[in-house]
Amino acid sequence: GLGQSALGHYEEAAKTYQTYLSMQPYLPALYNNLGQVFEKTGQMDAAEKAYRDGLVHFFGYGRGVLLNNLAALYKKQGREKEAFKIYEEEESHLLAEGHHNLGLMYAERGDYDRALTMYEEALQQDPHMAVVYFSMGGVRLLQGEFERAAEQYETFLKNWTGVPDYVRDAQLRLRQMYPVLGNRYLKAGDWKKAEFVYQRLVGLGGASAEVYANLAMIYGRSGAYIPALDAGNRALSLNETFAPAHFALATLYDQMGKPDGALKHYRRFVALHQTEDPLLTRARQRIDALAR
């Protein structure tokens, strides 16, 4: 039966499984496999009956597999309420995949706390089920907990080996969250976390003039002038009129004792940044001092 199914000979596989069941009707795997081949041939009613017949007999490990496949069948048919009822009523028998699926359904209903509880249960049963981290990240994102969401997505990316669509989506969400987190860390003076976030943005293909300008400032604070200048110039290569990048480069040249470079970028900053604020005042003061 397994061989026929693997070859795509689903009708033959179904006949083989039915023959086996006539001789050995107490094997959960047979009902499960029979239901799956019926699904492959579009016989949804027969698949449902196979799964339900299996559930009549089994209350151990096999029950969890059958429950999950029956609920998944209902979801495919748009019978969401019936799928949810199965998962919820049979929670104690669910395996990791079932807990994950129930968590997804709770999340769809906006019950984020229960969703997270189901995801945690799934990970307790199968710590290597990486897709759960993706789902947890999604819930944390919906809750506005960007830092925890980012941690979950990063864990997912480290462990996922499946289809690349999930990777693309996780990276996209990180590119959306990290600019917000980076600005938050800068305001809090947490330079280490800010540096990590902006470096990750570069690695994720989410670099912008602002990202490089912030890296220039962060590197400069630690005296790493070569990478700081490189970051500042990369910012200008993306947007030559980005005033903060000119200010960052001006400050770097000023700290390095190179007045020509400092004056050039301070003046460019003043020309571009016309809002009266402490940065503009500082730039004008340094221009006056360096031009003497």
Protein backbone atom coordinates (compact mmCIF):
# COMPACT_ATOMS: atom_id res chain seq x y z
CA GLY A 1 0.00 0.00 0.00
CA LEU A 2 2.78 2.42 0.86
CA GLY A 3 4.61 1.55 -2.34
CA GLN A 4 1.54 2.02 -4.50
CA SER A 5 0.79 5.33 -2.81
CA ALA A 6 4.37 6.52 -3.34
CA LEU A 7 4.03 5.75 -7.05
CA GLY A 8 0.78 7.70 -7.21
CA HIS A 9 -1.34 4.58 -7.68
CA TYR A 10 -3.86 5.72 -5.09
CA GLU A 11 -6.81 3.55 -6.12
CA GLU A 12 -4.66 0.42 -5.95
CA ALA A 13 -3.29 1.55 -2.60
CA ALA A 14 -6.83 2.03 -1.26
CA LYS A 15 -7.78 -1.52 -2.31
CA THR A 16 -4.65 -2.90 -0.63
CA TYR A 17 -5.36 -1.07 2.63
CA GLN A 18 -9.01 -2.18 2.59
CA THR A 19 -7.92 -5.81 2.11
CA TYR A 20 -5.49 -5.46 5.02
CA LEU A 21 -8.21 -3.94 7.23
CA SER A 22 -10.50 -6.88 6.54
CA MET A 23 -7.83 -9.08 8.16
CA GLN A 24 -6.39 -6.71 10.75
CA PRO A 25 -8.94 -4.02 11.68
CA TYR A 26 -7.15 -2.60 14.72
CA LEU A 27 -4.20 -0.74 13.26
CA PRO A 28 -4.51 3.08 13.41
CA ALA A 29 -1.91 3.57 10.67
CA LEU A 30 -4.11 1.66 8.21
CA TYR A 31 -7.10 3.95 8.78
CA ASN A 32 -4.84 6.95 8.55
CA ASN A 33 -3.18 5.80 5.32
CA LEU A 34 -6.52 4.84 3.81
CA GLY A 35 -7.92 8.26 4.59
CA GLN A 36 -4.93 9.94 2.98
CA VAL A 37 -5.20 8.00 -0.29
CA PHE A 38 -8.92 8.75 -0.42
CA GLU A 39 -8.06 12.44 -0.07
CA LYS A 40 -5.59 12.11 -2.94
CA THR A 41 -8.35 10.81 -5.19
CA GLY A 42 -10.83 13.46 -4.07
CA GLN A 43 -13.03 11.03 -2.13
CA MET A 44 -13.47 13.33 0.85
CA ASP A 45 -16.47 11.53 2.36
CA ALA A 46 -14.60 8.22 2.23
CA ALA A 47 -11.51 9.87 3.76
CA GLU A 48 -13.61 11.32 6.58
CA LYS A 49 -15.15 7.89 7.26
CA ALA A 50 -11.70 6.24 7.34
CA TYR A 51 -10.40 8.73 9.89
CA ARG A 52 -13.56 8.47 11.99
CA ASP A 53 -13.52 4.66 11.88
CA GLY A 54 -9.97 4.79 13.16
CA LEU A 55 -10.97 7.11 16.00
CA VAL A 56 -13.55 4.59 17.17
CA HIS A 57 -10.75 2.19 18.14
CA PHE A 58 -7.78 4.27 19.20
CA PHE A 59 -6.96 6.47 22.18
CA GLY A 60 -3.16 6.41 22.16
CA TYR A 61 -0.57 7.88 19.79
CA GLY A 62 -2.53 6.86 16.71
CA ARG A 63 -5.52 8.89 17.86
CA GLY A 64 -3.55 12.13 17.70
CA VAL A 65 -2.54 11.51 14.09
CA LEU A 66 -6.08 10.64 13.04
CA LEU A 67 -7.53 13.67 14.84
CA ASN A 68 -5.12 16.02 13.13
CA ASN A 69 -5.79 14.59 9.68
CA LEU A 70 -9.56 14.67 10.18
CA ALA A 71 -9.44 18.30 11.36
CA ALA A 72 -7.14 19.20 8.46
CA LEU A 73 -9.64 17.59 6.08
CA TYR A 74 -12.42 19.74 7.51
CA LYS A 75 -10.28 22.85 7.08
CA LYS A 76 -9.68 22.00 3.42
CA GLN A 77 -13.45 21.77 2.99
CA GLY A 78 -14.05 25.09 4.71
CA ARG A 79 -15.60 23.38 7.74
CA GLU A 80 -13.63 25.53 10.20
CA LYS A 81 -16.06 25.17 13.11
CA GLU A 82 -15.98 21.37 12.93
CA ALA A 83 -12.18 21.34 12.73
CA PHE A 84 -11.92 23.69 15.70
CA LYS A 85 -14.36 21.55 17.70
CA ILE A 86 -12.28 18.43 17.11
CA TYR A 87 -9.05 20.11 18.16
CA GLU A 88 -10.57 21.73 21.23
CA GLU A 89 -12.50 18.69 22.48
CA GLU A 90 -9.58 16.33 21.91
CA GLU A 91 -6.79 18.61 23.11
CA SER A 92 -5.43 16.02 25.55
CA HIS A 93 -4.85 13.60 22.66
CA LEU A 94 -3.25 16.06 20.27
CA LEU A 95 0.33 15.65 19.10
CA ALA A 96 2.66 18.55 18.42
CA GLU A 97 1.20 19.25 14.98
CA GLY A 98 -2.31 19.26 16.39
CA HIS A 99 -1.41 21.72 19.13
CA HIS A 100 0.23 23.93 16.54
CA ASN A 101 -2.85 23.83 14.32
CA LEU A 102 -5.13 24.60 17.25
CA GLY A 103 -2.85 27.52 18.10
CA LEU A 104 -3.24 28.81 14.55
CA MET A 105 -7.00 28.68 14.89
CA TYR A 106 -6.94 30.51 18.21
CA ALA A 107 -4.73 33.15 16.61
CA GLU A 108 -7.20 33.56 13.74
CA ARG A 109 -9.87 34.23 16.37
CA GLY A 110 -7.72 36.83 18.12
CA ASP A 111 -7.23 34.66 21.22
CA TYR A 112 -3.49 35.24 21.33
CA ASP A 113 -2.87 33.96 24.86
CA ARG A 114 -4.41 30.56 24.09
CA ALA A 115 -2.58 30.46 20.79
CA LEU A 116 0.75 30.95 22.55
CA THR A 117 -0.15 28.26 25.09
CA MET A 118 -0.80 25.80 22.25
CA TYR A 119 2.47 26.74 20.53
CA GLU A 120 4.40 26.18 23.76
CA GLU A 121 2.72 22.80 24.18
CA ALA A 122 3.70 21.88 20.63
CA LEU A 123 7.33 22.75 21.35
CA GLN A 124 7.30 20.73 24.55
CA GLN A 125 6.23 17.69 22.54
CA ASP A 126 8.56 18.43 19.62
CA PRO A 127 11.32 20.99 20.35
CA HIS A 128 12.54 20.69 16.74
CA MET A 129 9.25 21.81 15.17
CA ALA A 130 10.69 25.05 13.81
CA VAL A 131 7.49 26.30 12.17
CA VAL A 132 6.05 26.89 15.65
CA TYR A 133 8.59 29.68 16.17
CA PHE A 134 7.34 31.32 13.00
CA SER A 135 3.77 31.18 14.30
CA MET A 136 4.79 32.49 17.72
CA GLY A 137 6.58 35.38 16.04
CA GLY A 138 3.40 36.24 14.18
CA VAL A 139 1.37 36.39 17.39
CA ARG A 140 3.99 38.49 19.18
CA LEU A 141 4.01 40.84 16.20
CA LEU A 142 0.22 41.20 16.37
CA GLN A 143 0.56 41.95 20.08
CA GLY A 144 3.08 44.71 19.33
CA GLU A 145 5.89 42.88 21.14
CA PHE A 146 8.49 43.51 18.45
CA GLU A 147 11.51 42.41 20.44
CA ARG A 148 10.03 39.03 21.35
CA ALA A 149 8.65 38.61 17.83
CA ALA A 150 12.10 39.23 16.38
CA GLU A 151 13.62 36.65 18.72
CA GLN A 152 11.10 34.04 17.54
CA TYR A 153 11.69 34.79 13.87
CA GLU A 154 15.48 34.61 14.35
CA THR A 155 15.12 31.24 16.10
CA PHE A 156 12.94 30.06 13.24
CA LEU A 157 15.51 31.10 10.63
CA LYS A 158 18.26 29.24 12.47
CA ASN A 159 16.29 26.00 12.54
CA TRP A 160 14.01 25.91 9.50
CA THR A 161 14.96 23.54 6.68
CA GLY A 162 11.65 23.41 4.83
CA VAL A 163 10.11 25.39 1.98
CA PRO A 164 11.74 28.81 1.41
CA ASP A 165 8.45 30.75 1.45
CA TYR A 166 8.52 30.83 5.25
CA VAL A 167 12.10 32.13 5.19
CA ARG A 168 11.14 34.94 2.85
CA ASP A 169 8.20 35.94 5.05
CA ALA A 170 10.25 35.82 8.26
CA GLN A 171 12.99 37.97 6.73
CA LEU A 172 10.42 40.45 5.46
CA ARG A 173 8.91 40.85 8.92
CA LEU A 174 12.35 41.31 10.47
CA ARG A 175 13.12 44.02 7.92
CA GLN A 176 9.90 45.73 8.96
CA MET A 177 10.51 45.45 12.71
CA TYR A 178 14.23 46.10 13.04
CA PRO A 179 14.14 49.79 12.02
CA VAL A 180 11.60 50.38 14.78
CA LEU A 181 13.64 48.41 17.31
CA GLY A 182 16.86 50.10 16.21
CA ASN A 183 15.45 53.56 16.83
CA ARG A 184 14.08 52.39 20.16
CA TYR A 185 17.50 51.08 21.23
CA LEU A 186 19.23 54.29 20.13
CA LYS A 187 16.86 56.41 22.21
CA ALA A 188 17.49 54.14 25.19
CA GLY A 189 21.27 54.32 24.68
CA ASP A 190 21.54 50.56 24.16
CA TRP A 191 24.27 50.75 21.52
CA LYS A 192 25.03 47.03 21.51
CA LYS A 193 21.47 46.01 20.63
CA ALA A 194 21.17 48.84 18.13
CA GLU A 195 24.36 47.73 16.39
CA PHE A 196 23.11 44.13 16.17
CA VAL A 197 19.78 45.24 14.70
CA TYR A 198 21.31 47.47 12.04
CA GLN A 199 23.92 44.88 11.11
CA ARG A 200 21.14 42.30 10.74
CA LEU A 201 19.23 44.70 8.50
CA VAL A 202 22.27 44.89 6.24
CA GLY A 203 22.52 41.09 6.19
CA LEU A 204 18.80 40.78 5.46
CA GLY A 205 19.01 43.12 2.48
CA GLY A 206 17.16 45.85 4.36
CA ALA A 207 19.94 48.43 4.45
CA SER A 208 18.99 52.05 3.83
CA ALA A 209 20.76 55.38 4.11
CA GLU A 210 19.40 55.69 7.64
CA VAL A 211 20.66 52.24 8.63
CA TYR A 212 24.19 52.98 7.42
CA ALA A 213 24.18 56.45 8.99
CA ASN A 214 23.22 54.95 12.34
CA LEU A 215 25.95 52.34 12.01
CA ALA A 216 28.45 55.10 11.24
CA MET A 217 27.45 56.86 14.44
CA ILE A 218 27.57 53.65 16.51
CA TYR A 219 30.98 52.60 15.16
CA GLY A 220 32.33 56.09 15.69
CA ARG A 221 31.35 56.06 19.36
CA SER A 222 33.65 53.07 19.91
CA GLY A 223 36.50 54.58 17.90
CA ALA A 224 36.12 52.15 14.99
CA TYR A 225 36.67 54.90 12.43
CA ILE A 226 37.36 52.81 9.32
CA PRO A 227 34.07 50.86 9.42
CA ALA A 228 32.33 54.05 10.56
CA LEU A 229 33.55 56.02 7.52
CA ASP A 230 32.64 53.11 5.27
CA ALA A 231 29.11 53.02 6.68
CA GLY A 232 28.73 56.78 6.30
CA ASN A 233 29.84 56.69 2.67
CA ARG A 234 27.53 53.77 1.97
CA ALA A 235 24.66 55.85 3.34
CA LEU A 236 25.49 58.66 0.91
CA SER A 237 25.82 56.22 -1.97
CA LEU A 238 22.18 55.32 -1.35
CA ASN A 239 21.01 58.89 -0.75
CA GLU A 240 23.48 61.75 -1.19
CA THR A 241 21.01 64.24 0.28
CA PHE A 242 20.45 62.30 3.52
CA ALA A 243 21.46 64.96 6.03
CA PRO A 244 22.10 62.67 9.06
CA ALA A 245 24.75 60.80 7.06
CA HIS A 246 26.60 64.06 6.42
CA PHE A 247 26.41 64.92 10.11
CA ALA A 248 27.74 61.47 11.05
CA LEU A 249 30.66 61.80 8.62
CA ALA A 250 31.37 65.35 9.77
CA THR A 251 31.52 64.19 13.37
CA LEU A 252 33.84 61.34 12.46
CA TYR A 253 36.29 63.57 10.58
CA ASP A 254 36.11 66.06 13.43
CA GLN A 255 37.01 63.37 15.98
CA MET A 256 39.82 62.15 13.73
CA GLY A 257 41.34 65.63 13.53
CA LYS A 258 40.59 66.09 9.83
CA PRO A 259 39.04 69.55 9.56
CA ASP A 260 38.68 69.62 5.75
CA GLY A 261 36.45 66.56 5.73
CA ALA A 262 34.57 67.76 8.78
CA LEU A 263 33.89 71.21 7.27
CA LYS A 264 32.74 69.71 3.98
CA HIS A 265 30.12 67.53 5.61
CA TYR A 266 29.05 70.02 8.30
CA ARG A 267 28.35 72.57 5.56
CA ARG A 268 26.47 70.03 3.50
CA PHE A 269 24.44 69.09 6.55
CA VAL A 270 23.52 72.73 7.24
CA ALA A 271 22.42 73.17 3.62
CA LEU A 272 20.19 70.11 3.78
CA HIS A 273 18.93 70.19 7.36
CA GLN A 274 17.00 73.42 7.71
CA THR A 275 15.12 72.59 10.92
CA GLU A 276 16.30 74.58 13.93
CA ASP A 277 17.40 71.98 16.44
CA PRO A 278 20.48 71.06 18.55
CA LEU A 279 22.14 69.24 15.62
CA LEU A 280 21.95 72.31 13.41
CA THR A 281 23.30 74.50 16.24
CA ARG A 282 26.16 72.06 16.80
CA ALA A 283 27.05 71.98 13.10
CA ARG A 284 27.17 75.78 12.89
CA GLN A 285 29.34 75.99 16.00
CA ARG A 286 31.81 73.48 14.61
CA ILE A 287 31.91 75.24 11.24
CA ASP A 288 32.80 78.51 13.00
CA ALA A 289 35.46 76.82 15.13
CA LEU A 290 37.07 74.84 12.30
CA ALA A 291 37.02 77.70 9.80
CA ARG A 292 39.15 79.98 11.99
